[in-house]
PDB file of N, CA and C in Angstrom:
ATOM      1  N   UNK A   1      98.302  92.819  77.616  1.00  0.00           N
ATOM      2  CA  UNK A   1      98.450  93.919  78.099  1.00  0.00           C
ATOM      3  C   UNK A   1      99.232  94.863  78.071  1.00  0.00           C
ATOM      4  N   UNK A   2      98.441  96.007  78.286  1.00  0.00           N
ATOM      5  CA  UNK A   2      99.511  96.925  78.058  1.00  0.00           C
ATOM      6  C   UNK A   2     100.454  97.328  78.998  1.00  0.00           C
ATOM      7  N   UNK A   3     101.583  97.891  79.073  1.00  0.00           N
ATOM      8  CA  UNK A   3     102.762  98.316  79.635  1.00  0.00           C
ATOM      9  C   UNK A   3     102.078  99.185  80.821  1.00  0.00           C
ATOM     10  N   UNK A   4     101.903  99.989  81.102  1.00  0.00           N
ATOM     11  CA  UNK A   4     101.583 100.159  82.432  1.00  0.00           C
ATOM     12  C   UNK A   4     100.370  99.143  83.096  1.00  0.00           C
ATOM     13  N   UNK A   5      99.712  98.402  82.450  1.00  0.00           N
ATOM     14  CA  UNK A   5      98.980  97.349  83.506  1.00  0.00           C
ATOM     15  C   UNK A   5     100.504  96.488  84.332  1.00  0.00           C
ATOM     16  N   UNK A   6     101.418  96.258  83.221  1.00  0.00           N
ATOM     17  CA  UNK A   6     102.300  95.442  83.928  1.00  0.00           C
ATOM     18  C   UNK A   6     103.315  95.921  84.518  1.00  0.00           C
ATOM     19  N   UNK A   7     103.458  97.110  84.782  1.00  0.00           N
ATOM     20  CA  UNK A   7     103.963  97.726  85.765  1.00  0.00           C
ATOM     21  C   UNK A   7     103.329  97.983  87.107  1.00  0.00           C
ATOM     22  N   UNK A   8     102.131  98.378  86.525  1.00  0.00           N
ATOM     23  CA  UNK A   8     101.309  98.024  88.066  1.00  0.00           C
ATOM     24  C   UNK A   8     101.370  96.769  88.977  1.00  0.00           C
ATOM     25  N   UNK A   9     100.964  96.263  88.060  1.00  0.00           N
ATOM     26  CA  UNK A   9     100.652  94.639  88.640  1.00  0.00           C
ATOM     27  C   UNK A   9     101.777  94.046  89.039  1.00  0.00           C
ATOM     28  N   UNK A  10     102.998  94.617  88.688  1.00  0.00           N
ATOM     29  CA  UNK A  10     104.183  93.880  89.232  1.00  0.00           C
ATOM     30  C   UNK A  10     104.731  94.965  90.458  1.00  0.00           C
ATOM     31  N   UNK A  11     104.680  95.993  90.489  1.00  0.00           N
ATOM     32  CA  UNK A  11     104.500  96.703  91.582  1.00  0.00           C
ATOM     33  C   UNK A  11     103.582  96.172  92.790  1.00  0.00           C
ATOM     34  N   UNK A  12     101.891  95.844  92.840  1.00  0.00           N
ATOM     35  CA  UNK A  12     101.606  95.067  93.350  1.00  0.00           C
ATOM     36  C   UNK A  12     101.902  94.012  93.858  1.00  0.00           C
ATOM     37  N   UNK A  13     102.515  93.619  93.252  1.00  0.00           N
ATOM     38  CA  UNK A  13     103.406  92.097  93.591  1.00  0.00           C
ATOM     39  C   UNK A  13     104.473  92.047  94.336  1.00  0.00           C
ATOM     40  N   UNK A  14     105.228  92.859  94.178  1.00  0.00           N
ATOM     41  CA  UNK A  14     105.977  93.712  95.066  1.00  0.00           C
ATOM     42  C   UNK A  14     105.995  93.726  96.780  1.00  0.00           C
ATOM     43  N   UNK A  15     104.405  94.848  96.347  1.00  0.00           N
ATOM     44  CA  UNK A  15     104.419  95.238  97.878  1.00  0.00           C
ATOM     45  C   UNK A  15     103.753  94.203  98.681  1.00  0.00           C
ATOM     46  N   UNK A  16     103.302  92.927  97.877  1.00  0.00           N
ATOM     47  CA  UNK A  16     102.478  91.839  98.633  1.00  0.00           C
ATOM     48  C   UNK A  16     103.875  90.993  99.268  1.00  0.00           C
ATOM     49  N   UNK A  17     104.798  90.649  98.236  1.00  0.00           N
ATOM     50  CA  UNK A  17     106.182  90.325  98.847  1.00  0.00           C
ATOM     51  C   UNK A  17     106.998  90.896 100.233  1.00  0.00           C
ATOM     52  N   UNK A  18     106.681  92.274 100.135  1.00  0.00           N
ATOM     53  CA  UNK A  18     107.121  93.095 101.361  1.00  0.00           C
ATOM     54  C   UNK A  18     106.293  93.428 102.705  1.00  0.00           C
ATOM     55  N   UNK A  19     105.144  93.149 102.274  1.00  0.00           N
ATOM     56  CA  UNK A  19     104.065  92.556 103.503  1.00  0.00           C
ATOM     57  C   UNK A  19     104.404  91.379 103.594  1.00  0.00           C
ATOM     58  N   UNK A  20     104.109  90.304 103.358  1.00  0.00           N
ATOM     59  CA  UNK A  20     104.731  89.107 103.798  1.00  0.00           C
ATOM     60  C   UNK A  20     105.900  88.898 104.432  1.00  0.00           C
ATOM     61  N   UNK A  21     107.248  89.450 104.077  1.00  0.00           N
ATOM     62  CA  UNK A  21     108.468  89.581 104.702  1.00  0.00           C
ATOM     63  C   UNK A  21     108.676  90.471 105.813  1.00  0.00           C
ATOM     64  N   UNK A  22     107.551  91.594 106.150  1.00  0.00           N
ATOM     65  CA  UNK A  22     107.467  92.270 106.922  1.00  0.00           C
ATOM     66  C   UNK A  22     106.628  91.298 107.943  1.00  0.00           C
ATOM     67  N   UNK A  23     105.780  90.903 107.918  1.00  0.00           N
ATOM     68  CA  UNK A  23     105.023  89.776 109.044  1.00  0.00           C
ATOM     69  C   UNK A  23     105.950  88.449 109.103  1.00  0.00           C
ATOM     70  N   UNK A  24     106.640  87.772 108.189  1.00  0.00           N
ATOM     71  CA  UNK A  24     107.171  86.887 108.842  1.00  0.00           C
ATOM     72  C   UNK A  24     108.534  87.326 109.573  1.00  0.00           C
ATOM     73  N   UNK A  25     108.871  88.249 109.685  1.00  0.00           N
ATOM     74  CA  UNK A  25     110.405  88.446 110.310  1.00  0.00           C
ATOM     75  C   UNK A  25     109.970  88.792 111.911  1.00  0.00           C
ATOM     76  N   UNK A  26     108.469  88.838 112.145  1.00  0.00           N
ATOM     77  CA  UNK A  26     108.367  88.707 113.709  1.00  0.00           C
ATOM     78  C   UNK A  26     107.932  87.050 113.967  1.00  0.00           C
ATOM     79  N   UNK A  27     107.991  86.632 113.292  1.00  0.00           N
ATOM     80  CA  UNK A  27     107.878  84.823 113.677  1.00  0.00           C
ATOM     81  C   UNK A  27     109.248  84.668 114.081  1.00  0.00           C
ATOM     82  N   UNK A  28     108.873  83.213 115.380  1.00  0.00           N
ATOM     83  CA  UNK A  28     109.555  82.852 116.194  1.00  0.00           C
ATOM     84  C   UNK A  28     110.779  81.946 114.569  1.00  0.00           C
ATOM     85  N   UNK A  29     112.247  81.831 114.670  1.00  0.00           N
ATOM     86  CA  UNK A  29     112.886  81.368 114.008  1.00  0.00           C
ATOM     87  C   UNK A  29     112.896  80.132 113.498  1.00  0.00           C
ATOM     88  N   UNK A  30     112.612  79.648 112.670  1.00  0.00           N
ATOM     89  CA  UNK A  30     112.841  78.369 112.313  1.00  0.00           C
ATOM     90  C   UNK A  30     113.008  77.759 110.941  1.00  0.00           C
ATOM     91  N   UNK A  31     112.841  76.796 110.374  1.00  0.00           N
ATOM     92  CA  UNK A  31     113.734  76.355 109.134  1.00  0.00           C
ATOM     93  C   UNK A  31     112.456  76.564 107.708  1.00  0.00           C
ATOM     94  N   UNK A  32     111.044  76.529 108.585  1.00  0.00           N
ATOM     95  CA  UNK A  32     110.253  77.058 107.668  1.00  0.00           C
ATOM     96  C   UNK A  32     110.261  78.686 107.422  1.00  0.00           C
ATOM     97  N   UNK A  33     110.585  79.223 108.480  1.00  0.00           N
ATOM     98  CA  UNK A  33     110.700  80.391 107.987  1.00  0.00           C
ATOM     99  C   UNK A  33     111.389  80.689 107.429  1.00  0.00           C
ATOM    100  N   UNK A  34     112.838  80.571 107.822  1.00  0.00           N
ATOM    101  CA  UNK A  34     114.176  80.581 106.795  1.00  0.00           C
ATOM    102  C   UNK A  34     113.909  80.502 105.151  1.00  0.00           C
ATOM    103  N   UNK A  35     113.177  79.293 105.253  1.00  0.00           N
ATOM    104  CA  UNK A  35     112.242  79.028 103.425  1.00  0.00           C
ATOM    105  C   UNK A  35     112.184  79.745 103.154  1.00  0.00           C
ATOM    106  N   UNK A  36     110.916  80.569 103.985  1.00  0.00           N
ATOM    107  CA  UNK A  36     109.580  81.358 103.670  1.00  0.00           C
ATOM    108  C   UNK A  36     110.555  82.828 103.101  1.00  0.00           C
ATOM    109  N   UNK A  37     111.344  82.613 104.533  1.00  0.00           N
ATOM    110  CA  UNK A  37     112.349  84.339 104.060  1.00  0.00           C
ATOM    111  C   UNK A  37     112.950  84.285 102.647  1.00  0.00           C
ATOM    112  N   UNK A  38     113.669  82.538 102.470  1.00  0.00           N
ATOM    113  CA  UNK A  38     114.576  82.505 101.026  1.00  0.00           C
ATOM    114  C   UNK A  38     113.677  83.118 100.033  1.00  0.00           C
ATOM    115  N   UNK A  39     112.622  82.306 100.051  1.00  0.00           N
ATOM    116  CA  UNK A  39     111.925  82.179  98.860  1.00  0.00           C
ATOM    117  C   UNK A  39     111.279  83.742  98.436  1.00  0.00           C
ATOM    118  N   UNK A  40     110.966  84.213  99.719  1.00  0.00           N
ATOM    119  CA  UNK A  40     110.103  85.448  99.290  1.00  0.00           C
ATOM    120  C   UNK A  40     111.229  86.711  98.994  1.00  0.00           C
ATOM    121  N   UNK A  41     112.349  86.730  99.014  1.00  0.00           N
ATOM    122  CA  UNK A  41     113.826  87.519  99.159  1.00  0.00           C
ATOM    123  C   UNK A  41     114.033  87.181  97.749  1.00  0.00           C
ATOM    124  N   UNK A  42     114.161  85.942  97.061  1.00  0.00           N
ATOM    125  CA  UNK A  42     114.175  85.838  95.508  1.00  0.00           C
ATOM    126  C   UNK A  42     112.898  86.105  94.698  1.00  0.00           C
ATOM    127  N   UNK A  43     111.801  86.329  94.781  1.00  0.00           N
ATOM    128  CA  UNK A  43     110.802  86.710  94.267  1.00  0.00           C
ATOM    129  C   UNK A  43     110.884  87.974  94.778  1.00  0.00           C
ATOM    130  N   UNK A  44     111.138  88.833  95.769  1.00  0.00           N
ATOM    131  CA  UNK A  44     111.732  90.256  94.930  1.00  0.00           C
ATOM    132  C   UNK A  44     112.307  90.609  94.459  1.00  0.00           C
ATOM    133  N   UNK A  45     113.549  90.118  94.460  1.00  0.00           N
ATOM    134  CA  UNK A  45     114.867  90.352  93.509  1.00  0.00           C
ATOM    135  C   UNK A  45     113.962  90.105  92.042  1.00  0.00           C
ATOM    136  N   UNK A  46     113.308  89.094  91.830  1.00  0.00           N
ATOM    137  CA  UNK A  46     112.866  88.672  90.198  1.00  0.00           C
ATOM    138  C   UNK A  46     112.183  90.069  90.015  1.00  0.00           C
ATOM    139  N   UNK A  47     111.375  90.176  90.747  1.00  0.00           N
ATOM    140  CA  UNK A  47     110.079  91.325  90.280  1.00  0.00           C
ATOM    141  C   UNK A  47     110.629  92.384  90.587  1.00  0.00           C
ATOM    142  N   UNK A  48     111.649  92.809  91.035  1.00  0.00           N
ATOM    143  CA  UNK A  48     112.153  94.358  91.285  1.00  0.00           C
ATOM    144  C   UNK A  48     113.005  94.272  89.736  1.00  0.00           C
ATOM    145  N   UNK A  49     113.594  93.192  89.176  1.00  0.00           N
ATOM    146  CA  UNK A  49     114.527  93.404  88.055  1.00  0.00           C
ATOM    147  C   UNK A  49     113.376  93.110  86.737  1.00  0.00           C
ATOM    148  N   UNK A  50     112.363  92.645  86.926  1.00  0.00           N
ATOM    149  CA  UNK A  50     111.598  92.902  86.071  1.00  0.00           C
ATOM    150  C   UNK A  50     110.923  94.296  85.827  1.00  0.00           C
ATOM    151  N   UNK A  51     110.247  94.915  87.398  1.00  0.00           N
ATOM    152  CA  UNK A  51     109.825  96.160  87.038  1.00  0.00           C
ATOM    153  C   UNK A  51     111.402  97.311  86.341  1.00  0.00           C
ATOM    154  N   UNK A  52     112.210  96.613  86.771  1.00  0.00           N
ATOM    155  CA  UNK A  52     113.485  97.646  86.243  1.00  0.00           C
ATOM    156  C   UNK A  52     113.308  97.689  84.495  1.00  0.00           C
ATOM    157  N   UNK A  53     113.130  96.136  84.071  1.00  0.00           N
ATOM    158  CA  UNK A  53     113.061  96.566  82.820  1.00  0.00           C
ATOM    159  C   UNK A  53     111.928  96.966  81.844  1.00  0.00           C
ATOM    160  N   UNK A  54     110.498  96.710  82.765  1.00  0.00           N
ATOM    161  CA  UNK A  54     109.454  97.898  82.440  1.00  0.00           C
ATOM    162  C   UNK A  54     109.485  99.279  82.137  1.00  0.00           C
ATOM    163  N   UNK A  55     110.526  99.525  83.183  1.00  0.00           N
ATOM    164  CA  UNK A  55     110.196 100.988  83.079  1.00  0.00           C
ATOM    165  C   UNK A  55     111.245 101.705  81.647  1.00  0.00           C
ATOM    166  N   UNK A  56     112.443 100.827  82.130  1.00  0.00           N
ATOM    167  CA  UNK A  56     112.793 101.101  80.878  1.00  0.00           C
ATOM    168  C   UNK A  56     112.089 100.942  79.409  1.00  0.00           C
ATOM    169  N   UNK A  57     111.847 100.077  79.375  1.00  0.00           N
ATOM    170  CA  UNK A  57     110.148  99.849  78.272  1.00  0.00           C
ATOM    171  C   UNK A  57     109.904 101.003  78.079  1.00  0.00           C
ATOM    172  N   UNK A  58     109.433 101.253  79.187  1.00  0.00           N
ATOM    173  CA  UNK A  58     108.196 102.428  79.428  1.00  0.00           C
ATOM    174  C   UNK A  58     109.153 103.964  78.662  1.00  0.00           C
ATOM    175  N   UNK A  59     109.742 104.429  79.372  1.00  0.00           N
ATOM    176  CA  UNK A  59     111.137 105.255  79.331  1.00  0.00           C
ATOM    177  C   UNK A  59     111.433 105.574  77.598  1.00  0.00           C
ATOM    178  N   UNK A  60     111.591 104.227  77.053  1.00  0.00           N
ATOM    179  CA  UNK A  60     112.014 103.856  75.224  1.00  0.00           C
ATOM    180  C   UNK A  60     110.910 104.636  74.613  1.00  0.00           C
ATOM    181  N   UNK A  61     109.777 104.242  74.823  1.00  0.00           N
ATOM    182  CA  UNK A  61     108.522 104.290  74.462  1.00  0.00           C
ATOM    183  C   UNK A  61     108.101 105.763  74.290  1.00  0.00           C
ATOM    184  N   UNK A  62     108.454 105.904  75.163  1.00  0.00           N
ATOM    185  CA  UNK A  62     108.290 108.074  75.691  1.00  0.00           C
ATOM    186  C   UNK A  62     108.799 108.684  74.803  1.00  0.00           C
ATOM    187  N   UNK A  63     110.399 108.183  74.918  1.00  0.00           N
ATOM    188  CA  UNK A  63     111.431 108.935  73.678  1.00  0.00           C
ATOM    189  C   UNK A  63     111.091 108.638  72.464  1.00  0.00           C
ATOM    190  N   UNK A  64     110.232 107.487  72.126  1.00  0.00           N
ATOM    191  CA  UNK A  64     110.224 107.400  70.707  1.00  0.00           C
ATOM    192  C   UNK A  64     108.784 108.261  69.918  1.00  0.00           C
ATOM    193  N   UNK A  65     107.794 108.023  71.403  1.00  0.00           N
ATOM    194  CA  UNK A  65     106.535 109.166  70.841  1.00  0.00           C
ATOM    195  C   UNK A  65     107.435 110.620  70.318  1.00  0.00           C
ATOM    196  N   UNK A  66     107.897 110.976  71.716  1.00  0.00           N
ATOM    197  CA  UNK A  66     108.543 112.470  71.429  1.00  0.00           C
ATOM    198  C   UNK A  66     109.109 113.003  70.287  1.00  0.00           C
ATOM    199  N   UNK A  67     110.268 111.762  69.719  1.00  0.00           N
ATOM    200  CA  UNK A  67     110.924 112.068  68.231  1.00  0.00           C
ATOM    201  C   UNK A  67     109.953 111.948  67.504  1.00  0.00           C
ATOM    202  N   UNK A  68     108.817 111.201  67.378  1.00  0.00           N
ATOM    203  CA  UNK A  68     108.284 111.134  66.171  1.00  0.00           C
ATOM    204  C   UNK A  68     107.040 112.756  65.841  1.00  0.00           C
TER     205      UNK A  68
END
């Protein structure tokens, strides 16, 4: 899988978790809701970190191509 595809997939996954988070916010408080929020927040953070790393790789590849 190429880098741009990985970036697009990661962005889509982040959007999914942001949408799920927005939907769950309007549900009544429960232990289940709290567990879901915790899981969504953890996944969002992990995906955001992954996206940042992918953008760093992309930037490095672009600068290598320019210097070649």
